[in-house]
Amino acid sequence: MPRWRWLWLAAGFAVLLYGTVLVFMAFDRDSHSASDTLRPFVITMAPVWAIAIAGAIAVVRWPGSHRTP
């Protein structure tokens, strides 16, 4: 697999982590209990992480990413 794919995957992972922290901070800003923060956070971020992981798997398994002799 070309190196640029790994670089893009690493950059995307860094952006995803940064966005995850920002979303948590947005939910935590006005909450009064842990359930006011965690439940909406998980409901919001679980699909985002699932799609990101599925996309990363698709990029890694892209046809032509590895050559067989």
Protein backbone atom coordinates (compact mmCIF):
# COMPACT_ATOMS: atom_id res chain seq x y z
CA MET A 1 0.00 0.00 0.00
CA PRO A 2 1.38 3.42 -0.88
CA ARG A 3 2.61 5.57 1.97
CA TRP A 4 0.30 8.44 1.11
CA ARG A 5 -2.71 6.31 2.07
CA TRP A 6 -1.27 5.73 5.53
CA LEU A 7 -0.54 9.43 5.88
CA TRP A 8 -4.12 10.33 4.93
CA LEU A 9 -5.46 7.71 7.34
CA ALA A 10 -3.31 9.11 10.16
CA ALA A 11 -4.40 12.67 9.37
CA GLY A 12 -8.05 11.61 9.28
CA PHE A 13 -7.66 9.83 12.62
CA ALA A 14 -6.15 12.97 14.16
CA VAL A 15 -9.02 15.10 12.86
CA LEU A 16 -11.53 12.54 14.16
CA LEU A 17 -9.94 12.60 17.63
CA TYR A 18 -9.92 16.40 17.67
CA GLY A 19 -13.57 16.51 16.59
CA THR A 20 -14.50 13.95 19.22
CA VAL A 21 -12.97 16.10 21.95
CA LEU A 22 -14.76 19.19 20.63
CA VAL A 23 -18.12 17.38 20.60
CA PHE A 24 -17.57 16.16 24.15
CA MET A 25 -16.72 19.67 25.28
CA ALA A 26 -19.86 21.02 23.62
CA PHE A 27 -22.07 18.48 25.41
CA ASP A 28 -20.26 18.95 28.71
CA ARG A 29 -20.47 22.75 28.68
CA ASP A 30 -24.08 23.03 29.89
CA SER A 31 -24.68 19.63 31.47
CA HIS A 32 -25.46 19.09 35.13
CA SER A 33 -24.83 15.36 35.40
CA ALA A 34 -22.79 12.63 33.78
CA SER A 35 -25.83 11.18 32.00
CA ASP A 36 -26.54 14.59 30.44
CA THR A 37 -23.11 14.41 28.86
CA LEU A 38 -22.37 10.77 28.12
CA ARG A 39 -25.64 9.55 26.61
CA PRO A 40 -25.91 12.22 23.88
CA PHE A 41 -22.18 12.03 23.28
CA VAL A 42 -22.26 8.28 22.66
CA ILE A 43 -25.41 8.53 20.53
CA THR A 44 -23.74 11.22 18.42
CA MET A 45 -20.23 9.84 18.11
CA ALA A 46 -20.82 6.07 17.80
CA PRO A 47 -22.13 6.32 14.21
CA VAL A 48 -19.33 8.75 13.30
CA TRP A 49 -16.66 6.35 14.57
CA ALA A 50 -18.37 3.38 12.90
CA ILE A 51 -18.39 5.14 9.52
CA ALA A 52 -14.78 6.28 10.00
CA ILE A 53 -13.62 2.74 10.80
CA ALA A 54 -15.56 1.31 7.84
CA GLY A 55 -14.03 3.95 5.58
CA ALA A 56 -10.53 3.22 6.82
CA ILE A 57 -11.03 -0.50 6.17
CA ALA A 58 -12.27 0.29 2.67
CA VAL A 59 -9.21 2.45 1.98
CA VAL A 60 -6.83 -0.20 3.27
CA ARG A 61 -8.52 -2.93 1.21
CA TRP A 62 -8.82 -0.78 -1.94
CA PRO A 63 -8.19 -2.87 -5.09
CA GLY A 64 -4.65 -2.46 -6.24
CA SER A 65 -3.39 -1.48 -2.80
CA HIS A 66 -1.31 -4.63 -2.62
CA ARG A 67 0.13 -6.53 -5.51
CA THR A 68 0.34 -10.27 -5.78
CA PRO A 69 3.09 -11.89 -7.87
